[in-house]
């Protein structure tokens, strides 16, 4: 084969998501991960055993899992048998079976691995498993899950999780879901969590630090705080209105989508931005300064539990369905509090967008720009334009049906457009053409 032909074949190789062509895997669907981890904070050493339950989607002889090159694999079995071969290279664990599995076959993959975990370098900086001054933070979006466990790291690949983590006893260890057990022995404490709702791998997190856990509220939804004791007074002021946020968002967006409540983590270190995970939001000490300066971010991260975490984009090009909706939730909270209305905020940010480069198409911003602030603000403006067109009654009924119909599922932009069409007697295509599919910023008060 000539070099020219080799390049052509490589260029046409199928990918799950062009925004992240190296992540995601073919041939199977995962339904559950069970992780047994031991982590030594002082030396940043992780030892893990992962059991991945999956079903084959086609006849399978070879397949891959996403796994960071920083972690070494010491043993692999598939349905209790050693494979013919396995090797780890270029962010993938390649497995070749001794015998083919037919389509629809159950597959249990057991992987033992370990090493010194580090973040994965990406277009958007370093993502995944990250050391703090004293502890650990996992920020998985968009492709950081493979930095600490073998997985099918793609947002549409949702599964349930059981996470067992052992670490030194002075530290608090938090993962997603319900805390099932906590056992201390010989200077180590083992924590066991169960995340039963289907969850994307990037939304699975691990937080370890010198933290205390407090119950904030049980006004319909339990709310917890996990943070250093030194920040408790600031937290009680800065995050005091979270129960009211939860009440408003359940009214506007529908029931809170998780059974085991909501937890806010505040790390002892400063963080550039807050982070969302399933049932958890992570803030830095700089967001907890006693001045209530991060309240719009608190609203934003809470809203992600509906928009992004429960209703999740199938492909990253549809990220406005996460960030535009969470940004608009900030404006709705401001309006509810008697501060600037959503319309006032829309006009403010419309003016700012009009003065920014108008070269971004919201429905397909491109990988480099998918976390650009224009995606957030233009997404929120799109929803505001839709709200003005439909009126409040139909607009909020649409949001509730959206979160209910696609609860714990994966969606694309057309799913939202099709549902919205049911709430309008007139065609919404001109609105979508202007806001989603054209780079120019339309007039805020533009007609149909």
Protein backbone atom coordinates (compact mmCIF):
# COMPACT_ATOMS: atom_id res chain seq x y z
CA UNK A 1 0.00 0.00 0.00
CA UNK A 2 1.42 3.39 -0.95
CA UNK A 3 1.82 6.22 1.52
CA UNK A 4 -0.89 8.15 -0.34
CA UNK A 5 -3.33 5.26 0.07
CA UNK A 6 -2.45 4.83 3.74
CA UNK A 7 -3.24 8.49 4.40
CA UNK A 8 -6.52 8.23 2.51
CA UNK A 9 -7.58 5.18 4.49
CA UNK A 10 -6.70 6.86 7.79
CA UNK A 11 -8.59 10.02 6.85
CA UNK A 12 -11.75 8.04 6.15
CA UNK A 13 -11.59 5.98 9.35
CA UNK A 14 -14.94 6.23 11.15
CA UNK A 15 -15.18 8.36 14.27
CA UNK A 16 -18.00 8.70 16.77
CA UNK A 17 -17.62 12.45 17.18
CA UNK A 18 -15.56 14.68 14.86
CA UNK A 19 -15.03 17.14 17.74
CA UNK A 20 -13.15 14.41 19.65
CA UNK A 21 -12.11 11.92 16.98
CA UNK A 22 -9.85 9.96 19.32
CA UNK A 23 -12.45 9.15 21.98
CA UNK A 24 -15.42 6.82 22.02
CA UNK A 25 -15.42 3.22 20.84
CA UNK A 26 -17.33 0.97 18.46
CA UNK A 27 -18.90 -2.47 18.72
CA UNK A 28 -20.49 -2.50 22.17
CA UNK A 29 -22.67 -0.58 24.60
CA UNK A 30 -21.75 -0.28 28.29
CA UNK A 31 -24.52 -0.55 30.88
CA UNK A 32 -22.47 -0.47 34.10
CA UNK A 33 -19.05 0.31 35.56
CA UNK A 34 -17.84 -1.02 38.90
CA UNK A 35 -14.63 0.61 40.10
CA UNK A 36 -12.50 -0.51 43.05
CA UNK A 37 -9.82 2.11 43.61
CA UNK A 38 -7.05 2.79 46.09
CA UNK A 39 -5.41 6.19 46.04
CA UNK A 40 -2.45 7.47 48.05
CA UNK A 41 -2.67 11.25 48.25
CA UNK A 42 0.91 11.90 49.35
CA UNK A 43 2.48 10.09 46.39
CA UNK A 44 -0.32 10.47 43.81
CA UNK A 45 -0.57 6.74 43.25
CA UNK A 46 -3.72 5.06 41.94
CA UNK A 47 -4.42 1.32 41.84
CA UNK A 48 -7.65 0.25 40.25
CA UNK A 49 -9.84 -2.67 39.24
CA UNK A 50 -12.62 -1.87 36.78
CA UNK A 51 -15.44 -4.21 35.82
CA UNK A 52 -17.29 -3.05 32.72
CA UNK A 53 -20.60 -4.69 31.82
CA UNK A 54 -21.53 -4.31 28.16
CA UNK A 55 -23.47 -5.81 25.25
CA UNK A 56 -21.99 -6.33 21.81
CA UNK A 57 -23.66 -4.40 19.00
CA UNK A 58 -22.07 -6.49 16.26
CA UNK A 59 -19.95 -9.61 15.98
CA UNK A 60 -16.83 -8.73 17.91
CA UNK A 61 -13.25 -9.97 17.76
CA UNK A 62 -11.35 -6.81 18.68
CA UNK A 63 -12.43 -3.68 20.55
CA UNK A 64 -11.02 -0.77 22.49
CA UNK A 65 -11.56 1.21 25.69
CA UNK A 66 -10.35 4.74 26.37
CA UNK A 67 -7.54 4.82 28.94
CA UNK A 68 -4.77 7.33 29.62
CA UNK A 69 -1.20 6.40 28.76
CA UNK A 70 -0.25 7.44 32.31
CA UNK A 71 -1.88 4.25 33.62
CA UNK A 72 -0.45 0.77 33.10
CA UNK A 73 -2.66 -2.28 32.61
CA UNK A 74 -1.56 -5.45 34.40
CA UNK A 75 -4.46 -7.84 33.73
CA UNK A 76 -7.50 -8.11 31.44
CA UNK A 77 -10.24 -10.73 31.28
CA UNK A 78 -13.38 -10.84 29.16
CA UNK A 79 -16.18 -13.06 30.48
CA UNK A 80 -13.66 -14.57 32.87
CA UNK A 81 -11.16 -15.55 30.17
CA UNK A 82 -7.88 -13.99 29.21
CA UNK A 83 -8.02 -12.40 25.76
CA UNK A 84 -5.69 -13.48 22.98
CA UNK A 85 -3.93 -10.14 23.31
CA UNK A 86 -4.19 -6.72 24.90
CA UNK A 87 -2.06 -3.63 24.62
CA UNK A 88 -2.32 -0.02 25.69
CA UNK A 89 -1.22 2.70 23.29
CA UNK A 90 -2.16 6.26 22.32
CA UNK A 91 -4.96 6.60 24.87
CA UNK A 92 -6.60 3.26 24.03
CA UNK A 93 -6.68 -0.19 25.58
CA UNK A 94 -6.82 -2.58 22.60
CA UNK A 95 -8.28 -6.04 23.31
CA UNK A 96 -8.29 -9.00 20.93
CA UNK A 97 -10.51 -11.91 21.93
CA UNK A 98 -9.56 -15.53 21.56
CA UNK A 99 -13.01 -16.25 20.11
CA UNK A 100 -15.50 -13.99 18.39
CA UNK A 101 -18.57 -12.86 20.29
CA UNK A 102 -21.86 -12.69 18.36
CA UNK A 103 -23.98 -9.55 18.20
CA UNK A 104 -26.13 -9.14 21.31
CA UNK A 105 -23.75 -11.09 23.55
CA UNK A 106 -23.14 -10.11 27.16
CA UNK A 107 -19.59 -8.99 27.83
CA UNK A 108 -17.95 -8.46 31.22
CA UNK A 109 -14.54 -6.79 30.90
CA UNK A 110 -12.30 -6.80 33.98
CA UNK A 111 -9.22 -4.57 33.95
CA UNK A 112 -6.54 -4.19 36.62
CA UNK A 113 -4.45 -1.08 36.24
CA UNK A 114 -2.51 1.57 38.12
CA UNK A 115 0.01 4.35 37.98
CA UNK A 116 0.47 8.03 38.60
CA UNK A 117 -2.62 9.68 37.14
CA UNK A 118 -2.41 13.04 35.46
CA UNK A 119 -4.77 15.23 33.43
CA UNK A 120 -5.24 14.62 29.73
CA UNK A 121 -4.03 17.43 27.49
CA UNK A 122 -6.71 18.68 25.13
CA UNK A 123 -7.71 21.64 22.97
CA UNK A 124 -9.34 23.10 26.09
CA UNK A 125 -6.42 22.68 28.46
CA UNK A 126 -5.83 19.83 30.89
CA UNK A 127 -8.90 17.77 31.81
CA UNK A 128 -9.57 14.84 34.10
CA UNK A 129 -7.72 13.69 37.22
CA UNK A 130 -5.85 16.57 38.84
CA UNK A 131 -3.88 16.91 42.06
CA UNK A 132 -4.79 19.74 44.42
CA UNK A 133 -2.53 21.17 47.09
CA UNK A 134 -3.90 18.48 49.39
CA UNK A 135 -6.22 16.10 47.61
CA UNK A 136 -7.74 15.41 44.22
CA UNK A 137 -10.22 16.92 41.80
CA UNK A 138 -11.66 15.21 38.72
CA UNK A 139 -13.01 17.52 36.01
CA UNK A 140 -13.96 15.14 33.22
CA UNK A 141 -15.50 17.40 30.57
CA UNK A 142 -15.19 16.62 27.73
CA UNK A 143 -12.76 13.67 27.54
CA UNK A 144 -11.10 13.38 30.95
CA UNK A 145 -12.72 10.21 32.32
CA UNK A 146 -10.03 8.05 30.75
CA UNK A 147 -7.47 9.77 32.99
CA UNK A 148 -8.57 7.54 35.89
CA UNK A 149 -10.56 4.54 34.62
CA UNK A 150 -10.99 2.53 31.40
CA UNK A 151 -14.21 3.53 29.70
CA UNK A 152 -16.18 4.36 26.59
CA UNK A 153 -15.66 8.10 27.04
CA UNK A 154 -18.43 9.69 25.06
CA UNK A 155 -21.47 11.68 26.30
CA UNK A 156 -24.05 9.42 24.62
CA UNK A 157 -22.56 6.31 26.28
CA UNK A 158 -24.46 6.43 29.58
CA UNK A 159 -24.24 3.78 32.29
CA UNK A 160 -24.74 3.20 36.00
CA UNK A 161 -21.73 3.27 38.34
CA UNK A 162 -20.52 1.74 41.58
CA UNK A 163 -17.39 3.45 42.87
CA UNK A 164 -15.35 2.14 45.78
CA UNK A 165 -12.44 4.38 46.76
CA UNK A 166 -9.93 3.76 49.57
CA UNK A 167 -7.70 6.60 50.69
CA UNK A 168 -5.93 7.85 53.82
CA UNK A 169 -8.33 8.29 56.71
CA UNK A 170 -7.82 12.04 57.31
CA UNK A 171 -9.39 12.72 53.91
CA UNK A 172 -13.01 12.85 52.81
CA UNK A 173 -13.65 11.04 49.51
CA UNK A 174 -16.69 11.93 47.42
CA UNK A 175 -17.98 10.28 44.27
CA UNK A 176 -21.34 10.39 42.50
CA UNK A 177 -24.54 8.97 43.90
CA UNK A 178 -25.58 7.55 47.25
CA UNK A 179 -22.97 6.76 49.91
CA UNK A 180 -23.58 3.07 50.65
CA UNK A 181 -20.75 2.39 53.08
CA UNK A 182 -17.82 3.99 54.86
CA UNK A 183 -15.28 1.73 56.56
CA UNK A 184 -12.03 2.67 58.32
CA UNK A 185 -9.18 0.23 58.78
CA UNK A 186 -5.41 0.51 59.32
CA UNK A 187 -5.22 4.22 58.55
CA UNK A 188 -7.31 3.94 55.37
CA UNK A 189 -11.01 4.62 54.84
CA UNK A 190 -13.03 2.94 52.11
CA UNK A 191 -16.01 4.79 50.66
CA UNK A 192 -18.63 3.09 48.46
CA UNK A 193 -20.98 5.08 46.21
CA UNK A 194 -23.76 3.97 43.87
CA UNK A 195 -24.87 6.15 40.94
CA UNK A 196 -27.96 4.36 39.67
CA UNK A 197 -29.15 6.82 37.03
CA UNK A 198 -27.60 6.46 33.56
CA UNK A 199 -24.64 8.85 33.50
CA UNK A 200 -22.09 9.98 30.93
CA UNK A 201 -18.51 9.13 31.81
CA UNK A 202 -17.39 12.78 31.78
CA UNK A 203 -19.89 13.49 34.57
CA UNK A 204 -18.37 10.92 36.93
CA UNK A 205 -16.10 12.58 39.46
CA UNK A 206 -13.84 11.93 42.41
CA UNK A 207 -13.16 14.61 45.01
CA UNK A 208 -10.70 14.01 47.84
CA UNK A 209 -9.69 16.58 50.44
CA UNK A 210 -9.64 17.66 54.05
CA UNK A 211 -13.38 18.23 53.91
CA UNK A 212 -16.41 18.06 56.16
CA UNK A 213 -19.89 17.18 54.92
CA UNK A 214 -22.95 19.15 56.00
CA UNK A 215 -26.62 18.84 55.19
CA UNK A 216 -27.99 22.16 53.98
CA UNK A 217 -31.61 21.52 53.18
CA UNK A 218 -34.28 18.90 52.76
CA UNK A 219 -36.97 20.99 51.16
CA UNK A 220 -38.07 18.32 48.71
CA UNK A 221 -34.49 17.70 47.50
CA UNK A 222 -31.63 17.02 49.88
CA UNK A 223 -28.74 19.47 49.44
CA UNK A 224 -25.30 18.80 50.93
CA UNK A 225 -22.08 20.75 51.20
CA UNK A 226 -18.59 19.20 51.22
CA UNK A 227 -15.85 21.72 52.02
CA UNK A 228 -12.96 22.73 54.30
CA UNK A 229 -14.20 23.83 57.69
CA UNK A 230 -12.37 27.17 57.32
CA UNK A 231 -14.79 28.14 54.52
CA UNK A 232 -17.99 27.20 56.36
CA UNK A 233 -19.05 30.74 57.38
CA UNK A 234 -18.47 32.14 53.89
CA UNK A 235 -20.30 29.20 52.38
CA UNK A 236 -23.33 29.66 54.62
CA UNK A 237 -23.65 33.18 53.24
CA UNK A 238 -22.62 32.72 49.61
CA UNK A 239 -24.65 29.55 48.98
CA UNK A 240 -27.57 30.33 51.29
CA UNK A 241 -30.09 30.74 48.48
CA UNK A 242 -29.51 27.35 46.87
CA UNK A 243 -32.72 25.87 48.36
CA UNK A 244 -34.71 28.71 46.77
CA UNK A 245 -32.90 28.07 43.47
CA UNK A 246 -33.83 24.41 43.67
CA UNK A 247 -37.46 25.33 44.34
CA UNK A 248 -37.55 27.71 41.37
CA UNK A 249 -35.84 25.34 38.95
CA UNK A 250 -38.06 22.38 39.85
CA UNK A 251 -41.03 24.67 39.21
CA UNK A 252 -39.71 25.86 35.84
CA UNK A 253 -37.86 22.78 34.56
CA UNK A 254 -39.65 19.88 36.22
CA UNK A 255 -38.64 17.48 39.01
CA UNK A 256 -35.01 17.30 40.05
CA UNK A 257 -33.74 14.37 37.98
CA UNK A 258 -31.72 12.46 40.61
CA UNK A 259 -32.85 10.38 43.56
CA UNK A 260 -29.92 11.04 45.86
CA UNK A 261 -29.92 14.81 46.18
CA UNK A 262 -27.43 17.47 45.22
CA UNK A 263 -23.95 18.10 46.63
CA UNK A 264 -21.77 21.19 46.33
CA UNK A 265 -18.03 20.76 46.80
CA UNK A 266 -15.76 23.70 47.57
CA UNK A 267 -12.08 22.86 47.20
CA UNK A 268 -9.38 24.37 49.39
CA UNK A 269 -7.69 25.62 46.20
CA UNK A 270 -8.87 28.34 43.85
CA UNK A 271 -10.42 27.18 40.58
CA UNK A 272 -10.67 29.13 37.35
CA UNK A 273 -14.27 28.05 36.76
CA UNK A 274 -16.81 25.86 38.58
CA UNK A 275 -17.44 22.38 37.22
CA UNK A 276 -20.50 20.18 36.88
CA UNK A 277 -20.78 16.47 37.59
CA UNK A 278 -23.78 14.19 37.99
CA UNK A 279 -25.49 15.29 41.20
CA UNK A 280 -22.44 17.38 42.16
CA UNK A 281 -21.05 20.83 41.44
CA UNK A 282 -17.46 21.80 42.25
CA UNK A 283 -16.37 25.31 43.17
CA UNK A 284 -13.04 26.77 44.21
CA UNK A 285 -12.26 28.61 47.43
CA UNK A 286 -12.27 31.81 45.37
CA UNK A 287 -16.00 31.27 44.70
CA UNK A 288 -16.65 31.21 48.44
CA UNK A 289 -15.42 34.62 49.61
CA UNK A 290 -18.33 35.74 51.78
CA UNK A 291 -19.44 38.37 49.24
CA UNK A 292 -22.01 36.28 47.32
CA UNK A 293 -20.23 37.17 44.11
CA UNK A 294 -20.58 33.75 42.45
CA UNK A 295 -24.36 33.40 42.66
CA UNK A 296 -24.95 33.34 38.90
CA UNK A 297 -22.40 30.50 38.68
CA UNK A 298 -24.18 28.65 41.48
CA UNK A 299 -27.41 28.89 39.48
CA UNK A 300 -25.63 27.84 36.29
CA UNK A 301 -24.14 24.68 37.80
CA UNK A 302 -27.40 23.66 39.47
CA UNK A 303 -29.26 24.05 36.16
CA UNK A 304 -26.82 21.63 34.53
CA UNK A 305 -28.40 18.83 36.54
CA UNK A 306 -31.33 19.12 34.11
CA UNK A 307 -29.58 20.50 31.03
CA UNK A 308 -26.42 18.57 30.25
CA UNK A 309 -26.39 15.95 32.99
CA UNK A 310 -29.85 14.42 32.62
CA UNK A 311 -30.62 15.61 29.08
CA UNK A 312 -27.24 15.19 27.39
CA UNK A 313 -25.98 16.04 23.92
CA UNK A 314 -25.26 12.99 21.75
CA UNK A 315 -22.39 14.84 20.09
CA UNK A 316 -20.38 17.82 21.32
CA UNK A 317 -21.55 20.02 18.43
CA UNK A 318 -24.89 20.25 20.25
CA UNK A 319 -23.33 21.72 23.40
CA UNK A 320 -25.58 24.79 23.27
CA UNK A 321 -28.26 22.42 24.65
CA UNK A 322 -26.14 22.33 27.82
CA UNK A 323 -24.57 25.76 28.11
CA UNK A 324 -27.23 27.95 26.53
CA UNK A 325 -29.89 26.48 28.82
CA UNK A 326 -27.75 26.73 31.97
CA UNK A 327 -26.85 30.32 31.09
CA UNK A 328 -30.53 31.18 30.61
CA UNK A 329 -31.23 29.66 34.03
CA UNK A 330 -28.87 32.31 35.48
CA UNK A 331 -31.08 34.99 33.92
CA UNK A 332 -34.25 33.35 35.20
CA UNK A 333 -32.82 33.29 38.73
CA UNK A 334 -31.87 36.97 38.50
CA UNK A 335 -35.38 37.79 37.31
CA UNK A 336 -36.94 35.76 40.12
CA UNK A 337 -34.84 37.61 42.72
CA UNK A 338 -36.04 41.02 41.55
CA UNK A 339 -32.66 41.86 40.07
CA UNK A 340 -32.09 42.34 36.35
CA UNK A 341 -34.80 40.67 34.29
CA UNK A 342 -34.06 38.08 31.63
CA UNK A 343 -34.99 40.68 29.03
CA UNK A 344 -32.58 43.24 30.47
CA UNK A 345 -29.80 40.66 30.57
CA UNK A 346 -30.63 39.55 27.04
CA UNK A 347 -30.30 43.12 25.77
CA UNK A 348 -27.02 43.57 27.62
CA UNK A 349 -25.44 40.43 26.21
CA UNK A 350 -26.94 40.97 22.77
CA UNK A 351 -25.08 44.26 22.58
CA UNK A 352 -21.89 42.54 23.68
CA UNK A 353 -22.30 39.76 21.11
CA UNK A 354 -23.00 42.29 18.37
CA UNK A 355 -19.58 43.77 19.08
CA UNK A 356 -17.80 40.39 19.07
CA UNK A 357 -16.56 38.41 16.07
CA UNK A 358 -19.59 37.04 14.26
CA UNK A 359 -18.06 33.87 12.91
CA UNK A 360 -19.64 31.26 15.17
CA UNK A 361 -22.56 29.02 14.17
CA UNK A 362 -24.30 28.05 17.39
CA UNK A 363 -25.56 24.66 16.18
CA UNK A 364 -22.03 23.65 15.13
CA UNK A 365 -19.44 25.96 16.72
CA UNK A 366 -16.44 23.72 16.02
CA UNK A 367 -14.28 21.98 18.63
CA UNK A 368 -12.04 24.96 19.39
CA UNK A 369 -15.02 27.22 20.13
CA UNK A 370 -17.43 24.83 21.81
CA UNK A 371 -16.64 26.34 25.23
CA UNK A 372 -16.47 29.90 23.90
CA UNK A 373 -18.56 32.33 25.93
CA UNK A 374 -20.45 33.19 22.75
CA UNK A 375 -21.95 29.68 22.79
CA UNK A 376 -23.27 30.30 26.31
CA UNK A 377 -24.66 33.76 25.70
CA UNK A 378 -25.97 33.18 22.18
CA UNK A 379 -27.61 29.96 23.39
CA UNK A 380 -29.36 31.87 26.16
CA UNK A 381 -30.40 34.58 23.70
CA UNK A 382 -31.86 31.92 21.41
CA UNK A 383 -34.03 30.67 24.25
CA UNK A 384 -35.06 34.20 25.12
CA UNK A 385 -36.11 34.83 21.52
CA UNK A 386 -38.10 31.58 21.63
CA UNK A 387 -39.72 32.58 24.93
CA UNK A 388 -40.82 35.90 23.44
CA UNK A 389 -42.28 34.06 20.46
CA UNK A 390 -44.14 31.37 22.43
CA UNK A 391 -45.08 33.30 25.56
CA UNK A 392 -44.24 32.19 29.09
CA UNK A 393 -46.95 29.53 29.44
CA UNK A 394 -45.92 27.55 26.36
CA UNK A 395 -42.20 28.23 26.76
CA UNK A 396 -41.98 26.77 30.24
CA UNK A 397 -44.32 23.93 29.34
CA UNK A 398 -41.87 23.14 26.54
CA UNK A 399 -38.91 23.09 28.94
CA UNK A 400 -40.73 20.73 31.29
CA UNK A 401 -41.69 18.38 28.47
CA UNK A 402 -38.10 18.50 27.18
CA UNK A 403 -36.60 17.44 30.52
CA UNK A 404 -39.30 14.80 31.07
CA UNK A 405 -39.29 13.28 27.59
CA UNK A 406 -35.48 12.98 27.45
CA UNK A 407 -34.74 12.32 31.13
CA UNK A 408 -31.35 10.54 31.40
CA UNK A 409 -31.18 10.28 27.61
CA UNK A 410 -29.10 11.75 24.79
CA UNK A 411 -30.37 14.36 22.33
CA UNK A 412 -29.48 16.45 19.30
CA UNK A 413 -30.59 19.95 18.35
CA UNK A 414 -33.30 18.64 16.00
CA UNK A 415 -34.97 16.90 18.94
CA UNK A 416 -35.51 20.26 20.60
CA UNK A 417 -36.62 21.96 17.39
CA UNK A 418 -39.16 19.21 16.68
CA UNK A 419 -40.61 19.48 20.18
CA UNK A 420 -40.71 23.28 20.09
CA UNK A 421 -42.66 23.16 16.81
CA UNK A 422 -45.56 21.59 18.69
CA UNK A 423 -45.88 24.72 20.81
CA UNK A 424 -46.12 27.19 17.95
CA UNK A 425 -48.87 27.71 15.36
CA UNK A 426 -46.37 29.46 13.10
CA UNK A 427 -43.17 28.03 11.68
CA UNK A 428 -40.12 28.54 13.90
CA UNK A 429 -37.70 27.84 11.06
CA UNK A 430 -36.81 31.52 10.49
CA UNK A 431 -35.96 31.88 14.19
CA UNK A 432 -33.72 28.80 14.12
CA UNK A 433 -32.11 29.88 10.85
CA UNK A 434 -31.19 33.24 12.35
CA UNK A 435 -30.04 32.13 15.80
CA UNK A 436 -28.71 28.58 15.32
CA UNK A 437 -27.49 28.29 11.75
CA UNK A 438 -26.22 31.75 10.78
CA UNK A 439 -23.02 33.33 12.13
CA UNK A 440 -24.38 36.88 12.20
CA UNK A 441 -26.11 38.00 15.39
CA UNK A 442 -29.77 38.76 14.51
CA UNK A 443 -31.74 41.64 15.95
CA UNK A 444 -33.14 40.71 19.34
CA UNK A 445 -36.61 41.88 18.36
CA UNK A 446 -36.50 40.40 14.86
CA UNK A 447 -39.82 39.05 13.67
CA UNK A 448 -40.45 35.60 12.14
